[in-house]
Amino acid sequence: MKLRPLADRVIVKQSEAEEKTKSGIVLPDTAKEKPTKGKVIAVGPGKLDEKSGKPMELGVRVGDTVYYGKYSVTDIAIDGHKGVILRESDLLGVFE
């Protein structure tokens, strides 16, 4: 199945949750933080410009690694892979 985001939304494949702390303590499943970092796997065409009616280009591209807010996402599962859909405005930063 293939999913195409609409408007200014992006689909991000979540990175794996941390298994250990920096000091080496193994975390149980209940203590793991929800990932807030991932790789962009699809982008929508962009919001429509009010004046021209044409889509405005997004600031992220497929393949970018991004940070996003914990509670601003919609969780999805496609072909056994976990991911999230969110608006471009909910992205906090892009790794360069």
PDB file of N, CA and C in Angstrom:
ATOM      1  N   MET A   1       0.847  -1.174   0.000  1.00  0.00           N
ATOM      2  CA  MET A   1       0.000   0.000   0.000  1.00  0.00           C
ATOM      3  C   MET A   1       0.892   1.237   0.000  1.00  0.00           C
ATOM      4  N   LYS A   2       0.487   2.236  -0.720  1.00  0.00           N
ATOM      5  CA  LYS A   2       1.229   3.494  -0.771  1.00  0.00           C
ATOM      6  C   LYS A   2       0.314   4.602  -0.275  1.00  0.00           C
ATOM      7  N   LEU A   3       0.847   5.475   0.569  1.00  0.00           N
ATOM      8  CA  LEU A   3       0.076   6.567   1.142  1.00  0.00           C
ATOM      9  C   LEU A   3       0.705   7.882   0.709  1.00  0.00           C
ATOM     10  N   ARG A   4      -0.095   8.785   0.155  1.00  0.00           N
ATOM     11  CA  ARG A   4       0.374  10.091  -0.298  1.00  0.00           C
ATOM     12  C   ARG A   4      -0.227  11.153   0.621  1.00  0.00           C
ATOM     13  N   PRO A   5       0.622  11.943   1.290  1.00  0.00           N
ATOM     14  CA  PRO A   5       0.095  12.989   2.164  1.00  0.00           C
ATOM     15  C   PRO A   5      -0.516  14.128   1.353  1.00  0.00           C
ATOM     16  N   LEU A   6      -1.488  14.804   1.938  1.00  0.00           N
ATOM     17  CA  LEU A   6      -2.161  15.919   1.285  1.00  0.00           C
ATOM     18  C   LEU A   6      -1.672  17.243   1.845  1.00  0.00           C
ATOM     19  N   ALA A   7      -1.829  18.291   1.058  1.00  0.00           N
ATOM     20  CA  ALA A   7      -1.516  19.679   1.436  1.00  0.00           C
ATOM     21  C   ALA A   7      -0.108  19.797   2.012  1.00  0.00           C
ATOM     22  N   ASP A   8       0.025  20.347   3.231  1.00  0.00           N
ATOM     23  CA  ASP A   8       1.345  20.596   3.820  1.00  0.00           C
ATOM     24  C   ASP A   8       1.739  19.503   4.824  1.00  0.00           C
ATOM     25  N   ARG A   9       1.231  18.308   4.622  1.00  0.00           N
ATOM     26  CA  ARG A   9       1.553  17.210   5.542  1.00  0.00           C
ATOM     27  C   ARG A   9       2.750  16.412   5.037  1.00  0.00           C
ATOM     28  N   VAL A  10       3.459  15.794   5.987  1.00  0.00           N
ATOM     29  CA  VAL A  10       4.583  14.919   5.661  1.00  0.00           C
ATOM     30  C   VAL A  10       4.414  13.603   6.406  1.00  0.00           C
ATOM     31  N   ILE A  11       4.980  12.541   5.851  1.00  0.00           N
ATOM     32  CA  ILE A  11       5.004  11.245   6.524  1.00  0.00           C
ATOM     33  C   ILE A  11       6.440  10.989   6.951  1.00  0.00           C
ATOM     34  N   VAL A  12       6.610  10.650   8.227  1.00  0.00           N
ATOM     35  CA  VAL A  12       7.935  10.434   8.800  1.00  0.00           C
ATOM     36  C   VAL A  12       8.010   9.020   9.354  1.00  0.00           C
ATOM     37  N   LYS A  13       9.067   8.290   8.985  1.00  0.00           N
ATOM     38  CA  LYS A  13       9.322   6.973   9.566  1.00  0.00           C
ATOM     39  C   LYS A  13      10.084   7.214  10.863  1.00  0.00           C
ATOM     40  N   GLN A  14       9.490   6.765  11.960  1.00  0.00           N
ATOM     41  CA  GLN A  14      10.082   7.015  13.274  1.00  0.00           C
ATOM     42  C   GLN A  14      11.379   6.243  13.451  1.00  0.00           C
ATOM     43  N   SER A  15      12.322   6.875  14.145  1.00  0.00           N
ATOM     44  CA  SER A  15      13.536   6.163  14.539  1.00  0.00           C
ATOM     45  C   SER A  15      13.175   5.244  15.701  1.00  0.00           C
ATOM     46  N   GLU A  16      14.013   4.279  15.969  1.00  0.00           N
ATOM     47  CA  GLU A  16      13.763   3.336  17.052  1.00  0.00           C
ATOM     48  C   GLU A  16      13.900   4.015  18.407  1.00  0.00           C
ATOM     49  N   ALA A  17      13.089   3.597  19.369  1.00  0.00           N
ATOM     50  CA  ALA A  17      13.177   4.118  20.734  1.00  0.00           C
ATOM     51  C   ALA A  17      14.484   3.641  21.363  1.00  0.00           C
ATOM     52  N   GLU A  18      15.039   4.467  22.220  1.00  0.00           N
ATOM     53  CA  GLU A  18      16.285   4.125  22.888  1.00  0.00           C
ATOM     54  C   GLU A  18      16.095   2.897  23.771  1.00  0.00           C
ATOM     55  N   GLU A  19      17.002   1.933  23.638  1.00  0.00           N
ATOM     56  CA  GLU A  19      16.962   0.698  24.429  1.00  0.00           C
ATOM     57  C   GLU A  19      17.689   0.863  25.765  1.00  0.00           C
ATOM     58  N   LYS A  20      18.705   1.728  25.773  1.00  0.00           N
ATOM     59  CA  LYS A  20      19.523   1.943  26.968  1.00  0.00           C
ATOM     60  C   LYS A  20      19.719   3.433  27.189  1.00  0.00           C
ATOM     61  N   THR A  21      19.982   3.783  28.450  1.00  0.00           N
ATOM     62  CA  THR A  21      20.357   5.159  28.750  1.00  0.00           C
ATOM     63  C   THR A  21      21.834   5.331  28.419  1.00  0.00           C
ATOM     64  N   LYS A  22      22.328   6.563  28.444  1.00  0.00           N
ATOM     65  CA  LYS A  22      23.739   6.811  28.162  1.00  0.00           C
ATOM     66  C   LYS A  22      24.649   6.125  29.171  1.00  0.00           C
ATOM     67  N   SER A  23      24.143   5.921  30.391  1.00  0.00           N
ATOM     68  CA  SER A  23      24.953   5.270  31.417  1.00  0.00           C
ATOM     69  C   SER A  23      24.877   3.742  31.339  1.00  0.00           C
ATOM     70  N   GLY A  24      24.070   3.191  30.400  1.00  0.00           N
ATOM     71  CA  GLY A  24      24.037   1.748  30.193  1.00  0.00           C
ATOM     72  C   GLY A  24      22.869   1.026  30.839  1.00  0.00           C
ATOM     73  N   ILE A  25      21.927   1.745  31.435  1.00  0.00           N
ATOM     74  CA  ILE A  25      20.772   1.106  32.063  1.00  0.00           C
ATOM     75  C   ILE A  25      19.786   0.699  30.966  1.00  0.00           C
ATOM     76  N   VAL A  26      19.375  -0.574  30.965  1.00  0.00           N
ATOM     77  CA  VAL A  26      18.432  -1.079  29.978  1.00  0.00           C
ATOM     78  C   VAL A  26      17.023  -0.635  30.370  1.00  0.00           C
ATOM     79  N   LEU A  27      16.306  -0.052  29.417  1.00  0.00           N
ATOM     80  CA  LEU A  27      14.964   0.463  29.683  1.00  0.00           C
ATOM     81  C   LEU A  27      13.897  -0.580  29.341  1.00  0.00           C
ATOM     82  N   PRO A  28      12.935  -0.801  30.248  1.00  0.00           N
ATOM     83  CA  PRO A  28      11.809  -1.683  29.894  1.00  0.00           C
ATOM     84  C   PRO A  28      10.887  -0.962  28.912  1.00  0.00           C
ATOM     85  N   ASP A  29      10.024  -1.704  28.244  1.00  0.00           N
ATOM     86  CA  ASP A  29       9.122  -1.117  27.246  1.00  0.00           C
ATOM     87  C   ASP A  29       8.267  -0.002  27.816  1.00  0.00           C
ATOM     88  N   THR A  30       7.855  -0.116  29.063  1.00  0.00           N
ATOM     89  CA  THR A  30       6.979   0.886  29.666  1.00  0.00           C
ATOM     90  C   THR A  30       7.701   2.199  29.952  1.00  0.00           C
ATOM     91  N   ALA A  31       9.032   2.188  30.025  1.00  0.00           N
ATOM     92  CA  ALA A  31       9.796   3.395  30.346  1.00  0.00           C
ATOM     93  C   ALA A  31      10.367   4.079  29.110  1.00  0.00           C
ATOM     94  N   LYS A  32      10.215   3.462  27.950  1.00  0.00           N
ATOM     95  CA  LYS A  32      10.778   4.049  26.734  1.00  0.00           C
ATOM     96  C   LYS A  32       9.983   5.271  26.313  1.00  0.00           C
ATOM     97  N   GLU A  33      10.711   6.304  25.913  1.00  0.00           N
ATOM     98  CA  GLU A  33      10.089   7.533  25.417  1.00  0.00           C
ATOM     99  C   GLU A  33       9.623   7.323  23.984  1.00  0.00           C
ATOM    100  N   LYS A  34       8.528   7.954  23.630  1.00  0.00           N
ATOM    101  CA  LYS A  34       8.046   7.916  22.260  1.00  0.00           C
ATOM    102  C   LYS A  34       9.048   8.671  21.385  1.00  0.00           C
ATOM    103  N   PRO A  35       9.496   8.086  20.262  1.00  0.00           N
ATOM    104  CA  PRO A  35      10.487   8.775  19.428  1.00  0.00           C
ATOM    105  C   PRO A  35       9.963  10.108  18.899  1.00  0.00           C
ATOM    106  N   THR A  36      10.861  11.093  18.814  1.00  0.00           N
ATOM    107  CA  THR A  36      10.510  12.401  18.272  1.00  0.00           C
ATOM    108  C   THR A  36      11.462  12.772  17.142  1.00  0.00           C
ATOM    109  N   LYS A  37      12.082  11.750  16.560  1.00  0.00           N
ATOM    110  CA  LYS A  37      13.037  11.945  15.480  1.00  0.00           C
ATOM    111  C   LYS A  37      12.737  10.900  14.417  1.00  0.00           C
ATOM    112  N   GLY A  38      12.904  11.263  13.157  1.00  0.00           N
ATOM    113  CA  GLY A  38      12.669  10.296  12.103  1.00  0.00           C
ATOM    114  C   GLY A  38      13.083  10.812  10.747  1.00  0.00           C
ATOM    115  N   LYS A  39      12.857   9.972   9.741  1.00  0.00           N
ATOM    116  CA  LYS A  39      13.246  10.285   8.368  1.00  0.00           C
ATOM    117  C   LYS A  39      11.992  10.532   7.531  1.00  0.00           C
ATOM    118  N   VAL A  40      11.966  11.607   6.779  1.00  0.00           N
ATOM    119  CA  VAL A  40      10.834  11.948   5.917  1.00  0.00           C
ATOM    120  C   VAL A  40      10.790  10.962   4.758  1.00  0.00           C
ATOM    121  N   ILE A  41       9.631  10.281   4.597  1.00  0.00           N
ATOM    122  CA  ILE A  41       9.499   9.323   3.501  1.00  0.00           C
ATOM    123  C   ILE A  41       8.524   9.786   2.429  1.00  0.00           C
ATOM    124  N   ALA A  42       7.717  10.815   2.715  1.00  0.00           N
ATOM    125  CA  ALA A  42       6.798  11.375   1.717  1.00  0.00           C
ATOM    126  C   ALA A  42       6.389  12.777   2.134  1.00  0.00           C
ATOM    127  N   VAL A  43       6.204  13.645   1.141  1.00  0.00           N
ATOM    128  CA  VAL A  43       5.739  15.014   1.401  1.00  0.00           C
ATOM    129  C   VAL A  43       4.560  15.327   0.497  1.00  0.00           C
ATOM    130  N   GLY A  44       3.659  16.152   1.007  1.00  0.00           N
ATOM    131  CA  GLY A  44       2.517  16.584   0.215  1.00  0.00           C
ATOM    132  C   GLY A  44       2.917  17.703  -0.744  1.00  0.00           C
ATOM    133  N   PRO A  45       1.993  18.124  -1.590  1.00  0.00           N
ATOM    134  CA  PRO A  45       2.301  19.170  -2.567  1.00  0.00           C
ATOM    135  C   PRO A  45       2.439  20.563  -1.955  1.00  0.00           C
ATOM    136  N   GLY A  46       1.943  20.773  -0.742  1.00  0.00           N
ATOM    137  CA  GLY A  46       2.011  22.078  -0.086  1.00  0.00           C
ATOM    138  C   GLY A  46       0.646  22.729  -0.009  1.00  0.00           C
ATOM    139  N   LYS A  47       0.522  23.696   0.905  1.00  0.00           N
ATOM    140  CA  LYS A  47      -0.719  24.475   1.024  1.00  0.00           C
ATOM    141  C   LYS A  47      -0.933  25.280  -0.242  1.00  0.00           C
ATOM    142  N   LEU A  48      -2.189  25.562  -0.535  1.00  0.00           N
ATOM    143  CA  LEU A  48      -2.491  26.395  -1.695  1.00  0.00           C
ATOM    144  C   LEU A  48      -2.282  27.862  -1.348  1.00  0.00           C
ATOM    145  N   ASP A  49      -1.592  28.570  -2.219  1.00  0.00           N
ATOM    146  CA  ASP A  49      -1.391  30.006  -2.066  1.00  0.00           C
ATOM    147  C   ASP A  49      -2.732  30.702  -2.294  1.00  0.00           C
ATOM    148  N   GLU A  50      -3.112  31.601  -1.388  1.00  0.00           N
ATOM    149  CA  GLU A  50      -4.411  32.270  -1.485  1.00  0.00           C
ATOM    150  C   GLU A  50      -4.540  33.128  -2.742  1.00  0.00           C
ATOM    151  N   LYS A  51      -3.437  33.734  -3.184  1.00  0.00           N
ATOM    152  CA  LYS A  51      -3.490  34.627  -4.344  1.00  0.00           C
ATOM    153  C   LYS A  51      -3.470  33.864  -5.665  1.00  0.00           C
ATOM    154  N   SER A  52      -2.524  32.951  -5.807  1.00  0.00           N
ATOM    155  CA  SER A  52      -2.370  32.269  -7.099  1.00  0.00           C
ATOM    156  C   SER A  52      -3.152  30.963  -7.185  1.00  0.00           C
ATOM    157  N   GLY A  53      -3.452  30.362  -6.032  1.00  0.00           N
ATOM    158  CA  GLY A  53      -4.152  29.080  -6.034  1.00  0.00           C
ATOM    159  C   GLY A  53      -3.250  27.894  -6.313  1.00  0.00           C
ATOM    160  N   LYS A  54      -1.933  28.146  -6.389  1.00  0.00           N
ATOM    161  CA  LYS A  54      -0.969  27.067  -6.650  1.00  0.00           C
ATOM    162  C   LYS A  54      -0.363  26.588  -5.332  1.00  0.00           C
ATOM    163  N   PRO A  55       0.041  25.308  -5.263  1.00  0.00           N
ATOM    164  CA  PRO A  55       0.663  24.803  -4.033  1.00  0.00           C
ATOM    165  C   PRO A  55       2.004  25.484  -3.756  1.00  0.00           C
ATOM    166  N   MET A  56       2.257  25.796  -2.477  1.00  0.00           N
ATOM    167  CA  MET A  56       3.536  26.371  -2.062  1.00  0.00           C
ATOM    168  C   MET A  56       4.462  25.225  -1.678  1.00  0.00           C
ATOM    169  N   GLU A  57       5.696  25.292  -2.125  1.00  0.00           N
ATOM    170  CA  GLU A  57       6.675  24.235  -1.887  1.00  0.00           C
ATOM    171  C   GLU A  57       7.001  24.110  -0.398  1.00  0.00           C
ATOM    172  N   LEU A  58       7.157  22.857   0.068  1.00  0.00           N
ATOM    173  CA  LEU A  58       7.505  22.618   1.469  1.00  0.00           C
ATOM    174  C   LEU A  58       9.002  22.802   1.683  1.00  0.00           C
ATOM    175  N   GLY A  59       9.394  23.064   2.918  1.00  0.00           N
ATOM    176  CA  GLY A  59      10.793  23.276   3.263  1.00  0.00           C
ATOM    177  C   GLY A  59      11.555  22.002   3.570  1.00  0.00           C
ATOM    178  N   VAL A  60      10.899  20.854   3.516  1.00  0.00           N
ATOM    179  CA  VAL A  60      11.568  19.576   3.756  1.00  0.00           C
ATOM    180  C   VAL A  60      11.449  18.709   2.512  1.00  0.00           C
ATOM    181  N   ARG A  61      12.376  17.780   2.390  1.00  0.00           N
ATOM    182  CA  ARG A  61      12.409  16.869   1.250  1.00  0.00           C
ATOM    183  C   ARG A  61      12.416  15.423   1.750  1.00  0.00           C
ATOM    184  N   VAL A  62      12.051  14.516   0.871  1.00  0.00           N
ATOM    185  CA  VAL A  62      12.146  13.093   1.184  1.00  0.00           C
ATOM    186  C   VAL A  62      13.609  12.789   1.494  1.00  0.00           C
ATOM    187  N   GLY A  63      13.838  12.065   2.594  1.00  0.00           N
ATOM    188  CA  GLY A  63      15.197  11.716   3.003  1.00  0.00           C
ATOM    189  C   GLY A  63      15.736  12.583   4.124  1.00  0.00           C
ATOM    190  N   ASP A  64      15.126  13.749   4.402  1.00  0.00           N
ATOM    191  CA  ASP A  64      15.568  14.606   5.504  1.00  0.00           C
ATOM    192  C   ASP A  64      15.292  13.921   6.840  1.00  0.00           C
ATOM    193  N   THR A  65      16.199  14.106   7.792  1.00  0.00           N
ATOM    194  CA  THR A  65      15.987  13.632   9.160  1.00  0.00           C
ATOM    195  C   THR A  65      15.503  14.820   9.973  1.00  0.00           C
ATOM    196  N   VAL A  66      14.358  14.643  10.664  1.00  0.00           N
ATOM    197  CA  VAL A  66      13.703  15.760  11.336  1.00  0.00           C
ATOM    198  C   VAL A  66      13.370  15.435  12.787  1.00  0.00           C
ATOM    199  N   TYR A  67      13.205  16.492  13.587  1.00  0.00           N
ATOM    200  CA  TYR A  67      12.647  16.407  14.932  1.00  0.00           C
ATOM    201  C   TYR A  67      11.227  16.942  14.878  1.00  0.00           C
ATOM    202  N   TYR A  68      10.333  16.367  15.662  1.00  0.00           N
ATOM    203  CA  TYR A  68       8.946  16.828  15.706  1.00  0.00           C
ATOM    204  C   TYR A  68       8.424  16.714  17.127  1.00  0.00           C
ATOM    205  N   GLY A  69       7.312  17.396  17.409  1.00  0.00           N
ATOM    206  CA  GLY A  69       6.715  17.376  18.736  1.00  0.00           C
ATOM    207  C   GLY A  69       6.087  16.025  19.061  1.00  0.00           C
ATOM    208  N   LYS A  70       6.115  15.662  20.332  1.00  0.00           N
ATOM    209  CA  LYS A  70       5.566  14.365  20.777  1.00  0.00           C
ATOM    210  C   LYS A  70       4.078  14.215  20.526  1.00  0.00           C
ATOM    211  N   TYR A  71       3.331  15.273  20.742  1.00  0.00           N
ATOM    212  CA  TYR A  71       1.882  15.149  20.749  1.00  0.00           C
ATOM    213  C   TYR A  71       1.210  15.770  19.526  1.00  0.00           C
ATOM    214  N   SER A  72       1.997  16.124  18.519  1.00  0.00           N
ATOM    215  CA  SER A  72       1.426  16.789  17.341  1.00  0.00           C
ATOM    216  C   SER A  72       1.333  15.864  16.134  1.00  0.00           C
ATOM    217  N   VAL A  73       1.332  14.555  16.370  1.00  0.00           N
ATOM    218  CA  VAL A  73       1.391  13.604  15.259  1.00  0.00           C
ATOM    219  C   VAL A  73       0.193  12.661  15.254  1.00  0.00           C
ATOM    220  N   THR A  74      -0.041  12.042  14.107  1.00  0.00           N
ATOM    221  CA  THR A  74      -1.012  10.968  13.973  1.00  0.00           C
ATOM    222  C   THR A  74      -0.229   9.702  13.647  1.00  0.00           C
ATOM    223  N   ASP A  75      -0.292   8.706  14.523  1.00  0.00           N
ATOM    224  CA  ASP A  75       0.443   7.463  14.316  1.00  0.00           C
ATOM    225  C   ASP A  75      -0.196   6.644  13.207  1.00  0.00           C
ATOM    226  N   ILE A  76       0.649   6.028  12.368  1.00  0.00           N
ATOM    227  CA  ILE A  76       0.171   5.159  11.297  1.00  0.00           C
ATOM    228  C   ILE A  76       1.060   3.918  11.225  1.00  0.00           C
ATOM    229  N   ALA A  77       0.564   2.888  10.569  1.00  0.00           N
ATOM    230  CA  ALA A  77       1.356   1.679  10.294  1.00  0.00           C
ATOM    231  C   ALA A  77       1.044   1.257   8.867  1.00  0.00           C
ATOM    232  N   ILE A  78       2.074   1.221   8.028  1.00  0.00           N
ATOM    233  CA  ILE A  78       1.915   0.832   6.633  1.00  0.00           C
ATOM    234  C   ILE A  78       2.889  -0.299   6.352  1.00  0.00           C
ATOM    235  N   ASP A  79       2.347  -1.425   5.905  1.00  0.00           N
ATOM    236  CA  ASP A  79       3.164  -2.596   5.584  1.00  0.00           C
ATOM    237  C   ASP A  79       4.103  -2.969   6.730  1.00  0.00           C
ATOM    238  N   GLY A  80       3.632  -2.871   7.960  1.00  0.00           N
ATOM    239  CA  GLY A  80       4.404  -3.270   9.125  1.00  0.00           C
ATOM    240  C   GLY A  80       5.405  -2.242   9.615  1.00  0.00           C
ATOM    241  N   HIS A  81       5.486  -1.076   8.977  1.00  0.00           N
ATOM    242  CA  HIS A  81       6.412  -0.031   9.408  1.00  0.00           C
ATOM    243  C   HIS A  81       5.637   1.044  10.154  1.00  0.00           C
ATOM    244  N   LYS A  82       6.186   1.467  11.301  1.00  0.00           N
ATOM    245  CA  LYS A  82       5.546   2.525  12.075  1.00  0.00           C
ATOM    246  C   LYS A  82       5.990   3.880  11.546  1.00  0.00           C
ATOM    247  N   GLY A  83       5.046   4.791  11.523  1.00  0.00           N
ATOM    248  CA  GLY A  83       5.346   6.144  11.080  1.00  0.00           C
ATOM    249  C   GLY A  83       4.348   7.116  11.651  1.00  0.00           C
ATOM    250  N   VAL A  84       4.501   8.370  11.280  1.00  0.00           N
ATOM    251  CA  VAL A  84       3.595   9.418  11.738  1.00  0.00           C
ATOM    252  C   VAL A  84       3.297  10.359  10.578  1.00  0.00           C
ATOM    253  N   ILE A  85       2.101  10.958  10.616  1.00  0.00           N
ATOM    254  CA  ILE A  85       1.740  12.013   9.681  1.00  0.00           C
ATOM    255  C   ILE A  85       1.621  13.296  10.485  1.00  0.00           C
ATOM    256  N   LEU A  86       2.225  14.365   9.986  1.00  0.00           N
ATOM    257  CA  LEU A  86       2.137  15.640  10.674  1.00  0.00           C
ATOM    258  C   LEU A  86       2.242  16.781   9.671  1.00  0.00           C
ATOM    259  N   ARG A  87       1.840  17.954  10.102  1.00  0.00           N
ATOM    260  CA  ARG A  87       1.937  19.145   9.260  1.00  0.00           C
ATOM    261  C   ARG A  87       3.378  19.653   9.275  1.00  0.00           C
ATOM    262  N   GLU A  88       3.753  20.322   8.220  1.00  0.00           N
ATOM    263  CA  GLU A  88       5.104  20.878   8.159  1.00  0.00           C
ATOM    264  C   GLU A  88       5.344  21.831   9.329  1.00  0.00           C
ATOM    265  N   SER A  89       4.332  22.563   9.746  1.00  0.00           N
ATOM    266  CA  SER A  89       4.488  23.515  10.848  1.00  0.00           C
ATOM    267  C   SER A  89       4.750  22.832  12.188  1.00  0.00           C
ATOM    268  N   ASP A  90       4.467  21.520  12.291  1.00  0.00           N
ATOM    269  CA  ASP A  90       4.728  20.778  13.524  1.00  0.00           C
ATOM    270  C   ASP A  90       6.158  20.249  13.599  1.00  0.00           C
ATOM    271  N   LEU A  91       6.922  20.393  12.509  1.00  0.00           N
ATOM    272  CA  LEU A  91       8.330  19.996  12.539  1.00  0.00           C
ATOM    273  C   LEU A  91       9.110  21.038  13.322  1.00  0.00           C
ATOM    274  N   LEU A  92      10.018  20.564  14.162  1.00  0.00           N
ATOM    275  CA  LEU A  92      10.795  21.472  15.004  1.00  0.00           C
ATOM    276  C   LEU A  92      12.154  21.801  14.409  1.00  0.00           C
ATOM    277  N   GLY A  93      12.703  20.891  13.610  1.00  0.00           N
ATOM    278  CA  GLY A  93      14.014  21.137  13.014  1.00  0.00           C
ATOM    279  C   GLY A  93      14.395  20.025  12.057  1.00  0.00           C
ATOM    280  N   VAL A  94      15.385  20.358  11.195  1.00  0.00           N
ATOM    281  CA  VAL A  94      15.901  19.414  10.202  1.00  0.00           C
ATOM    282  C   VAL A  94      17.398  19.272  10.442  1.00  0.00           C
ATOM    283  N   PHE A  95      17.896  18.023  10.504  1.00  0.00           N
ATOM    284  CA  PHE A  95      19.333  17.782  10.626  1.00  0.00           C
ATOM    285  C   PHE A  95      20.005  18.111   9.297  1.00  0.00           C
ATOM    286  N   GLU A  96      21.138  18.794   9.343  1.00  0.00           N
ATOM    287  CA  GLU A  96      21.889  19.105   8.123  1.00  0.00           C
ATOM    288  C   GLU A  96      23.252  18.483   8.175  1.00  0.00           C
TER     289      GLU A  96
END
